[in-house]
Amino acid sequence: MIGVERESPEFSGLQLENPELLPLGTPGQVSYYRGTNVKTRFKGKIFYAILLDSCEDIHDQSLAIFKELFDNQMVIE
């Protein structure tokens, strides 16, 4: 597991930290939901926990890919 702590971004409103409750649909029927037009972030520190869940038989290979993803491919603004 890798943990990341960061401050709220200078230009908020561009990411996904906007929790909201969805209305209940009718059981047995397809329901369509629209996201809100404005995305906001909460104020203060943001904490991310990124967990590698891998079979022990391929642990070394999956850990190498996990480290590559975190070190070179993942962007946390």
Protein backbone atom coordinates (compact mmCIF):
# COMPACT_ATOMS: atom_id res chain seq x y z
CA MET A 1 0.00 0.00 0.00
CA ILE A 2 1.16 3.48 -0.83
CA GLY A 3 -0.26 6.57 0.86
CA VAL A 4 -0.20 10.07 -0.60
CA GLU A 5 -1.09 13.31 1.18
CA ARG A 6 -1.64 16.58 -0.64
CA GLU A 7 -3.28 19.96 -0.26
CA SER A 8 -6.42 21.02 -2.10
CA PRO A 9 -5.48 22.16 -5.61
CA GLU A 10 -5.25 25.83 -6.51
CA PHE A 11 -7.79 25.35 -9.31
CA SER A 12 -10.42 23.03 -7.88
CA GLY A 13 -13.46 21.83 -9.73
CA LEU A 14 -11.61 19.68 -12.24
CA GLN A 15 -11.48 16.32 -10.46
CA LEU A 16 -13.84 13.73 -9.00
CA GLU A 17 -14.05 14.44 -5.26
CA ASN A 18 -17.72 15.37 -5.30
CA PRO A 19 -19.67 12.80 -3.30
CA GLU A 20 -23.41 12.84 -3.83
CA LEU A 21 -26.31 10.53 -3.19
CA LEU A 22 -28.08 9.13 -6.22
CA PRO A 23 -31.87 9.03 -6.21
CA LEU A 24 -33.45 5.63 -5.81
CA GLY A 25 -34.64 4.12 -9.07
CA THR A 26 -37.55 1.82 -9.73
CA PRO A 27 -36.58 -1.84 -9.12
CA GLY A 28 -36.41 -3.84 -12.34
CA GLN A 29 -36.14 -0.76 -14.57
CA VAL A 30 -33.12 0.99 -16.06
CA SER A 31 -32.37 4.31 -14.38
CA TYR A 32 -30.28 7.08 -15.91
CA TYR A 33 -28.47 9.60 -13.72
CA ARG A 34 -26.68 12.78 -14.72
CA GLY A 35 -23.74 14.20 -12.84
CA THR A 36 -23.84 17.75 -11.63
CA ASN A 37 -22.40 20.43 -13.88
CA VAL A 38 -20.03 21.74 -11.20
CA LYS A 39 -17.49 19.53 -9.50
CA THR A 40 -16.06 20.77 -6.23
CA ARG A 41 -13.43 19.62 -3.78
CA PHE A 42 -13.54 19.72 -0.05
CA LYS A 43 -11.14 22.12 1.66
CA GLY A 44 -8.05 20.85 3.42
CA LYS A 45 -5.72 17.91 2.90
CA ILE A 46 -6.57 15.06 0.56
CA PHE A 47 -5.34 11.56 1.37
CA TYR A 48 -5.06 8.78 -1.21
CA ALA A 49 -4.45 5.12 -0.34
CA ILE A 50 -3.41 2.96 -3.30
CA LEU A 51 -3.46 -0.76 -2.60
CA LEU A 52 -1.84 -3.55 -4.59
CA ASP A 53 -3.94 -6.71 -4.29
CA SER A 54 -2.01 -9.51 -5.97
CA CYS A 55 -1.68 -13.27 -5.88
CA GLU A 56 1.41 -14.39 -3.94
CA ASP A 57 2.56 -16.46 -6.94
CA ILE A 58 3.03 -13.33 -9.07
CA HIS A 59 3.86 -10.86 -6.27
CA ASP A 60 7.29 -9.84 -7.58
CA GLN A 61 6.03 -9.20 -11.11
CA SER A 62 2.92 -7.31 -10.02
CA LEU A 63 4.91 -5.26 -7.47
CA ALA A 64 7.31 -4.18 -10.23
CA ILE A 65 4.37 -3.04 -12.39
CA PHE A 66 2.80 -1.27 -9.38
CA LYS A 67 6.03 0.62 -8.66
CA GLU A 68 6.39 1.56 -12.35
CA LEU A 69 2.83 2.87 -12.37
CA PHE A 70 3.34 4.94 -9.23
CA ASP A 71 6.83 6.21 -10.04
CA ASN A 72 6.46 6.99 -13.74
CA GLN A 73 2.87 6.91 -14.95
CA MET A 74 0.52 8.20 -12.25
CA VAL A 75 -0.07 11.94 -12.00
CA ILE A 76 -1.53 13.30 -8.77
CA GLU A 77 -1.89 17.05 -9.17
